[in-house]
Amino acid sequence: MEEIKVLVINDEGGNIQLEKDIIAEALEGKKDILTIKYVSANDIVSIEKELPEADAVISVYTKFDRKTLEQMKKCKIIATQTIGVNTIDLDAATDMGICITNVPDYCVEEVALHTVALALACVRKITIYNKIARNKIWNVDDIYEYGQIHRLQDRVYGLVSFGNIAKRVAELMKVFGMKVMAFDPFLDKDIFKEYGVQEAESLEELFASCNIISLHTPLTPKTEGMIDINLFKRMPRGSILINTSRGGIIKEDDLYSALREGVLDSAGVDVIIDEAEFESSLYELDNVIITPHVAYYSEEALIECRRKAAEQIGDAIGRGITPQYLVNKAVSDKAKAILS
């Protein structure tokens, strides 16, 4: 019987025993022909060498364009250890019968909490006050020069997209007495009512109505650069923007201008557009809190993410069933994997 090869590509180190156990269990009597190999996400040469022989791939941010996918003749499934799948050409994968899965529910609590933490840090100017306190600036008059602070009660929190993470953010911000509004044209109106959130009919309405807005939409060709200076200028004076989704959703130069010119009070971002060379004008500004794309992180979330990604592989190549988190559903009639 021909060997089944699974490639694990990430930067978490070579401990892949969890993946081995889960996929081997799914293969049952065929586990003796299973080979699982780890390759560092930074080892481009090895990745290019190994991909053509892989029956399945677990990855994080490896890019799979059409040219790369065309070389993966044996591949039946790519399981990303992420929520977003913007690094994969979904149309190309579908054409080639490759199932693409994600893990849409693995770090909901972590990202929601990080979003709220950034929002609260901006509201209370925590990083600015930490900086001036270390410089022994304690005089009240001096402190007032760093901008006004307002209570959260009765102010409005806005959510761009209203998926699992945004719903949890809404619950948390309500605890602080905030009203919550969300924009998501793909949801039934009853969902907003269920969560006690006011529905915005457009992004323009959302930005004009909210004092703090956080972004939770995936990065797609339609959402890339959709948050721009025109929207920032609609926000009430002293407003705050939070992004724990993807940097490319925002026109970064517009955000820089809005923050520098006082259109926005401050921003908290866990993502920037360039996360390869880390070039961003936002680093120049004191009224931006930047964290290094860590909103997803907790030890528990990492284990959950690895487990769920491996389960998708096990379902597709072991049990022969449609993976729970299949993204490109149109692949079903073309899939190389035998799915039921």
Protein backbone atom coordinates (compact mmCIF):
# COMPACT_ATOMS: atom_id res chain seq x y z
CA MET A 1 0.00 0.00 0.00
CA GLU A 2 1.30 3.44 -0.93
CA GLU A 3 2.66 5.69 1.79
CA ILE A 4 0.48 8.54 3.07
CA LYS A 5 2.56 11.63 3.71
CA VAL A 6 1.40 14.57 5.81
CA LEU A 7 3.46 17.76 6.01
CA VAL A 8 3.24 20.09 9.02
CA ILE A 9 4.52 23.60 8.26
CA ASN A 10 4.65 26.18 11.03
CA ASP A 11 7.07 27.94 13.36
CA GLU A 12 5.99 26.18 16.55
CA GLY A 13 8.88 23.68 16.58
CA GLY A 14 9.03 20.00 15.71
CA ASN A 15 6.78 18.54 18.38
CA ILE A 16 4.04 17.01 16.22
CA GLN A 17 3.11 14.03 18.38
CA LEU A 18 -0.43 15.34 18.81
CA GLU A 19 -0.92 15.49 15.05
CA LYS A 20 0.53 12.00 14.64
CA ASP A 21 -1.80 10.51 17.25
CA ILE A 22 -4.95 12.13 15.86
CA ILE A 23 -4.30 11.33 12.20
CA ALA A 24 -3.07 7.79 12.94
CA GLU A 25 -6.25 7.07 14.90
CA ALA A 26 -8.35 8.21 11.94
CA LEU A 27 -6.42 5.93 9.58
CA GLU A 28 -7.04 2.90 11.81
CA GLY A 29 -5.64 -0.11 9.94
CA LYS A 30 -3.59 2.04 7.58
CA LYS A 31 -1.57 3.90 10.21
CA ASP A 32 1.59 1.90 9.42
CA ILE A 33 1.86 3.64 6.07
CA LEU A 34 1.54 7.11 7.59
CA THR A 35 4.50 9.49 7.57
CA ILE A 36 4.18 12.91 9.19
CA LYS A 37 7.03 15.36 8.69
CA TYR A 38 7.63 18.77 10.24
CA VAL A 39 9.16 21.60 8.22
CA SER A 40 9.88 25.05 9.61
CA ALA A 41 7.83 27.79 7.96
CA ASN A 42 11.11 29.64 7.34
CA ASP A 43 12.70 26.74 5.43
CA ILE A 44 11.48 27.69 1.96
CA VAL A 45 13.78 25.24 0.17
CA SER A 46 12.50 22.23 2.11
CA ILE A 47 8.90 23.35 1.74
CA GLU A 48 9.22 23.55 -2.04
CA LYS A 49 10.89 20.13 -2.08
CA GLU A 50 8.33 18.38 0.13
CA LEU A 51 5.02 19.84 -1.09
CA PRO A 52 4.78 17.84 -4.36
CA GLU A 53 4.91 14.57 -2.38
CA ALA A 54 2.42 15.51 0.32
CA ASP A 55 -1.03 13.93 0.52
CA ALA A 56 -2.05 16.48 3.12
CA VAL A 57 -0.64 19.68 4.61
CA ILE A 58 -1.11 21.46 7.91
CA SER A 59 0.07 25.06 7.69
CA VAL A 60 -0.22 28.50 9.22
CA TYR A 61 0.79 31.34 6.88
CA THR A 62 2.44 29.48 4.01
CA LYS A 63 1.24 30.97 0.73
CA PHE A 64 -0.47 28.61 -1.69
CA ASP A 65 -0.93 30.38 -5.00
CA ARG A 66 -2.10 28.65 -8.17
CA LYS A 67 1.44 27.87 -9.30
CA THR A 68 2.27 26.19 -5.99
CA LEU A 69 -0.99 24.25 -5.89
CA GLU A 70 -0.46 22.97 -9.44
CA GLN A 71 2.71 21.25 -8.26
CA MET A 72 0.87 19.46 -5.44
CA LYS A 73 -0.45 16.59 -7.55
CA LYS A 74 -1.04 14.23 -4.60
CA CYS A 75 -2.50 16.74 -2.15
CA LYS A 76 -6.05 16.11 -1.02
CA ILE A 77 -6.36 18.66 1.79
CA ILE A 78 -4.66 21.73 3.26
CA ALA A 79 -5.69 22.37 6.85
CA THR A 80 -4.74 25.82 8.06
CA GLN A 81 -4.16 26.43 11.75
CA THR A 82 -5.82 29.83 11.36
CA ILE A 83 -9.23 31.43 11.06
CA GLY A 84 -8.40 33.39 7.90
CA VAL A 85 -7.52 31.64 4.64
CA ASN A 86 -6.29 34.66 2.70
CA THR A 87 -2.92 32.99 2.03
CA ILE A 88 -4.57 30.36 -0.19
CA ASP A 89 -5.98 30.70 -3.70
CA LEU A 90 -9.32 29.05 -2.96
CA ASP A 91 -10.47 29.00 -6.58
CA ALA A 92 -7.29 27.25 -7.66
CA ALA A 93 -7.53 24.75 -4.81
CA THR A 94 -11.11 23.96 -5.79
CA ASP A 95 -10.15 23.49 -9.43
CA MET A 96 -7.51 20.98 -8.35
CA GLY A 97 -9.74 19.07 -5.97
CA ILE A 98 -7.90 20.15 -2.83
CA CYS A 99 -10.04 20.61 0.29
CA ILE A 100 -9.20 23.73 2.31
CA THR A 101 -10.12 23.88 5.98
CA ASN A 102 -9.60 26.39 8.77
CA VAL A 103 -10.29 26.52 12.51
CA PRO A 104 -12.92 29.27 12.83
CA ASP A 105 -13.68 28.76 16.51
CA TYR A 106 -10.36 27.96 18.19
CA CYS A 107 -9.36 31.32 19.75
CA VAL A 108 -12.62 33.19 20.16
CA GLU A 109 -12.06 34.02 23.83
CA GLU A 110 -8.43 35.01 23.30
CA VAL A 111 -9.03 37.40 20.38
CA ALA A 112 -12.12 38.89 22.00
CA LEU A 113 -10.23 39.53 25.24
CA HIS A 114 -7.26 41.02 23.36
CA THR A 115 -9.62 43.30 21.44
CA VAL A 116 -11.20 44.54 24.65
CA ALA A 117 -7.79 44.93 26.31
CA LEU A 118 -6.57 47.13 23.45
CA ALA A 119 -9.76 49.18 23.58
CA LEU A 120 -9.52 49.73 27.33
CA ALA A 121 -5.81 50.56 27.09
CA CYS A 122 -6.60 53.21 24.48
CA VAL A 123 -9.53 54.61 26.46
CA ARG A 124 -7.46 54.90 29.65
CA LYS A 125 -4.24 55.88 27.78
CA ILE A 126 -2.35 53.15 29.64
CA THR A 127 0.76 53.07 27.46
CA ILE A 128 1.10 56.86 27.43
CA TYR A 129 0.68 57.10 31.19
CA ASN A 130 3.15 54.28 31.71
CA LYS A 131 5.69 56.16 29.62
CA ILE A 132 5.30 59.53 31.38
CA ALA A 133 5.19 57.93 34.84
CA ARG A 134 8.56 56.30 34.14
CA ASN A 135 9.79 59.80 33.29
CA LYS A 136 8.46 60.95 36.70
CA ILE A 137 5.72 63.15 35.22
CA TRP A 138 2.99 63.14 37.87
CA ASN A 139 1.70 66.70 37.83
CA VAL A 140 -2.03 66.79 37.06
CA ASP A 141 -1.74 69.73 34.67
CA ASP A 142 0.92 67.88 32.69
CA ILE A 143 -1.22 64.75 32.54
CA TYR A 144 -4.17 66.66 31.11
CA GLU A 145 -2.01 67.70 28.17
CA TYR A 146 -2.05 64.12 26.90
CA GLY A 147 -5.71 64.24 25.91
CA GLN A 148 -9.14 63.79 27.38
CA ILE A 149 -10.60 60.60 28.83
CA HIS A 150 -14.31 59.84 28.91
CA ARG A 151 -16.45 57.25 30.65
CA LEU A 152 -17.55 54.25 28.65
CA GLN A 153 -21.10 54.29 29.99
CA ASP A 154 -23.65 55.22 27.36
CA ARG A 155 -21.03 55.54 24.62
CA VAL A 156 -21.29 53.34 21.53
CA TYR A 157 -19.05 50.44 20.55
CA GLY A 158 -19.07 49.35 16.91
CA LEU A 159 -18.22 46.01 15.31
CA VAL A 160 -17.32 45.52 11.67
CA SER A 161 -18.63 41.98 11.03
CA PHE A 162 -20.55 40.06 13.65
CA GLY A 163 -19.12 36.56 13.83
CA ASN A 164 -18.15 34.51 16.89
CA ILE A 165 -15.38 36.82 18.09
CA ALA A 166 -17.41 39.99 17.57
CA LYS A 167 -20.34 38.50 19.46
CA ARG A 168 -18.09 37.81 22.44
CA VAL A 169 -16.63 41.34 22.26
CA ALA A 170 -20.18 42.70 22.32
CA GLU A 171 -20.94 40.73 25.48
CA LEU A 172 -17.80 42.00 27.20
CA MET A 173 -18.23 45.66 26.25
CA LYS A 174 -21.82 45.68 27.47
CA VAL A 175 -20.48 44.88 30.93
CA PHE A 176 -18.84 48.33 30.90
CA GLY A 177 -22.16 49.99 30.13
CA MET A 178 -21.59 50.56 26.43
CA LYS A 179 -24.24 50.40 23.75
CA VAL A 180 -23.22 48.11 20.89
CA MET A 181 -23.83 48.42 17.15
CA ALA A 182 -22.64 46.07 14.40
CA PHE A 183 -22.49 45.94 10.62
CA ASP A 184 -22.67 42.60 8.84
CA PRO A 185 -24.70 42.46 5.62
CA PHE A 186 -24.52 38.66 5.52
CA LEU A 187 -26.49 38.00 8.71
CA ASP A 188 -30.19 37.72 9.34
CA LYS A 189 -31.61 40.64 11.32
CA ASP A 190 -32.76 38.27 14.06
CA ILE A 191 -29.12 37.60 15.01
CA PHE A 192 -28.62 41.23 16.03
CA LYS A 193 -31.83 41.17 18.06
CA GLU A 194 -30.77 37.92 19.76
CA TYR A 195 -27.58 39.55 21.04
CA GLY A 196 -29.17 42.88 21.88
CA VAL A 197 -27.05 44.71 19.32
CA GLN A 198 -28.24 47.49 17.06
CA GLU A 199 -27.78 46.74 13.38
CA ALA A 200 -26.06 49.33 11.21
CA GLU A 201 -27.30 49.46 7.64
CA SER A 202 -23.90 50.52 6.27
CA LEU A 203 -20.29 51.07 7.25
CA GLU A 204 -20.92 54.80 6.96
CA GLU A 205 -23.70 54.61 9.54
CA LEU A 206 -21.57 52.48 11.86
CA PHE A 207 -18.58 54.83 11.79
CA ALA A 208 -20.75 57.92 12.22
CA SER A 209 -22.45 56.40 15.28
CA CYS A 210 -19.63 54.81 17.28
CA ASN A 211 -16.93 56.08 19.65
CA ILE A 212 -14.89 52.87 19.45
CA ILE A 213 -14.86 50.45 16.53
CA SER A 214 -13.14 47.09 16.19
CA LEU A 215 -12.62 45.11 13.00
CA HIS A 216 -13.46 41.41 12.77
CA THR A 217 -13.98 40.79 9.07
CA PRO A 218 -11.75 38.41 7.08
CA LEU A 219 -9.31 39.78 4.52
CA THR A 220 -10.68 39.18 1.03
CA PRO A 221 -10.39 41.06 -2.27
CA LYS A 222 -13.64 42.83 -1.33
CA THR A 223 -12.56 43.84 2.18
CA GLU A 224 -8.97 44.81 1.38
CA GLY A 225 -8.50 48.52 2.07
CA MET A 226 -12.18 49.10 2.77
CA ILE A 227 -11.52 51.05 5.98
CA ASP A 228 -10.24 54.45 4.88
CA ILE A 229 -9.99 58.13 5.76
CA ASN A 230 -13.55 58.83 4.62
CA LEU A 231 -14.85 56.47 7.28
CA PHE A 232 -12.49 57.80 9.95
CA LYS A 233 -13.71 61.34 9.33
CA ARG A 234 -17.28 60.24 10.04
CA MET A 235 -16.45 59.14 13.59
CA PRO A 236 -17.17 61.40 16.59
CA ARG A 237 -14.26 63.46 17.88
CA GLY A 238 -11.94 61.47 20.16
CA SER A 239 -12.79 58.08 18.64
CA ILE A 240 -10.73 54.90 18.76
CA LEU A 241 -10.08 52.14 16.21
CA ILE A 242 -9.10 48.56 17.10
CA ASN A 243 -7.90 45.94 14.61
CA THR A 244 -7.30 42.31 15.63
CA SER A 245 -8.28 40.91 12.24
CA ARG A 246 -5.91 41.57 9.32
CA GLY A 247 -3.80 44.64 8.57
CA GLY A 248 -4.83 44.80 4.93
CA ILE A 249 -8.43 45.65 5.77
CA ILE A 250 -7.28 49.20 6.57
CA LYS A 251 -5.61 51.69 4.28
CA GLU A 252 -2.67 52.08 6.64
CA ASP A 253 -1.56 55.47 5.34
CA ASP A 254 -5.09 56.76 5.97
CA LEU A 255 -5.00 55.47 9.53
CA TYR A 256 -1.62 57.12 10.05
CA SER A 257 -2.96 60.44 8.79
CA ALA A 258 -6.13 60.20 10.89
CA LEU A 259 -4.11 59.57 14.05
CA ARG A 260 -1.48 62.20 13.35
CA GLU A 261 -4.01 64.88 12.45
CA GLY A 262 -6.34 64.18 15.38
CA VAL A 263 -9.19 62.75 13.33
CA LEU A 264 -8.91 59.73 15.63
CA ASP A 265 -7.77 59.87 19.25
CA SER A 266 -5.90 56.57 19.19
CA ALA A 267 -5.76 53.04 17.84
CA GLY A 268 -4.85 49.57 18.99
CA VAL A 269 -3.67 47.10 16.35
CA ASP A 270 -2.51 43.50 16.60
CA VAL A 271 -1.86 43.38 12.85
CA ILE A 272 -0.18 45.51 10.20
CA ILE A 273 -0.04 45.14 6.44
CA ASP A 274 3.64 44.22 6.24
CA GLU A 275 4.29 41.38 8.68
CA ALA A 276 7.37 40.20 6.78
CA GLU A 277 9.69 43.21 6.95
CA PHE A 278 7.55 45.00 9.57
CA GLU A 279 7.52 48.30 7.72
CA SER A 280 4.76 50.60 8.94
CA SER A 281 4.41 54.33 9.53
CA LEU A 282 2.28 53.51 12.58
CA TYR A 283 5.45 52.81 14.59
CA GLU A 284 6.17 56.54 14.53
CA LEU A 285 3.07 57.43 16.54
CA ASP A 286 2.67 57.44 20.32
CA ASN A 287 -1.11 57.18 20.11
CA VAL A 288 -1.01 53.69 18.60
CA ILE A 289 -0.66 50.51 20.62
CA ILE A 290 0.88 47.75 18.48
CA THR A 291 1.06 44.11 19.52
CA PRO A 292 2.82 41.47 17.36
CA HIS A 293 -0.15 39.46 16.00
CA VAL A 294 -0.64 37.62 19.28
CA ALA A 295 -4.37 38.06 19.89
CA TYR A 296 -4.90 34.35 19.16
CA TYR A 297 -2.41 33.21 21.77
CA SER A 298 -2.93 31.15 24.88
CA GLU A 299 -1.42 27.74 25.54
CA GLU A 300 -4.90 26.26 25.52
CA ALA A 301 -5.73 27.87 22.17
CA LEU A 302 -2.58 26.48 20.57
CA ILE A 303 -3.47 22.93 21.59
CA GLU A 304 -7.06 23.38 20.42
CA CYS A 305 -5.88 24.76 17.09
CA ARG A 306 -3.47 21.89 16.47
CA ARG A 307 -6.05 19.29 17.45
CA LYS A 308 -8.79 20.68 15.24
CA ALA A 309 -6.55 21.09 12.20
CA ALA A 310 -5.33 17.50 12.56
CA GLU A 311 -8.92 16.28 12.89
CA GLN A 312 -9.73 17.83 9.50
CA ILE A 313 -6.88 15.83 7.95
CA GLY A 314 -8.05 12.68 9.69
CA ASP A 315 -11.58 13.10 8.43
CA ALA A 316 -10.54 13.68 4.82
CA ILE A 317 -7.84 11.06 4.31
CA GLY A 318 -8.69 8.62 7.08
CA ARG A 319 -12.42 8.45 7.69
CA GLY A 320 -13.41 9.58 4.21
CA ILE A 321 -15.91 12.13 5.47
CA THR A 322 -16.29 15.81 4.67
CA PRO A 323 -14.17 17.85 7.11
CA GLN A 324 -16.22 19.86 9.61
CA TYR A 325 -14.50 23.14 8.70
CA LEU A 326 -14.39 22.80 4.92
CA VAL A 327 -14.04 26.31 3.47
CA ASN A 328 -14.23 25.73 -0.30
CA LYS A 329 -17.45 23.74 -0.26
CA ALA A 330 -17.62 23.74 -4.06
CA VAL A 331 -14.72 21.25 -4.04
CA SER A 332 -16.99 18.39 -2.96
CA ASP A 333 -17.66 17.14 -6.52
CA LYS A 334 -13.97 17.48 -7.50
CA ALA A 335 -12.21 16.40 -4.33
CA LYS A 336 -9.25 14.05 -4.62
CA ALA A 337 -10.18 12.75 -1.18
CA ILE A 338 -13.05 10.26 -1.16
CA LEU A 339 -15.64 12.07 0.95
CA SER A 340 -19.03 10.95 2.16
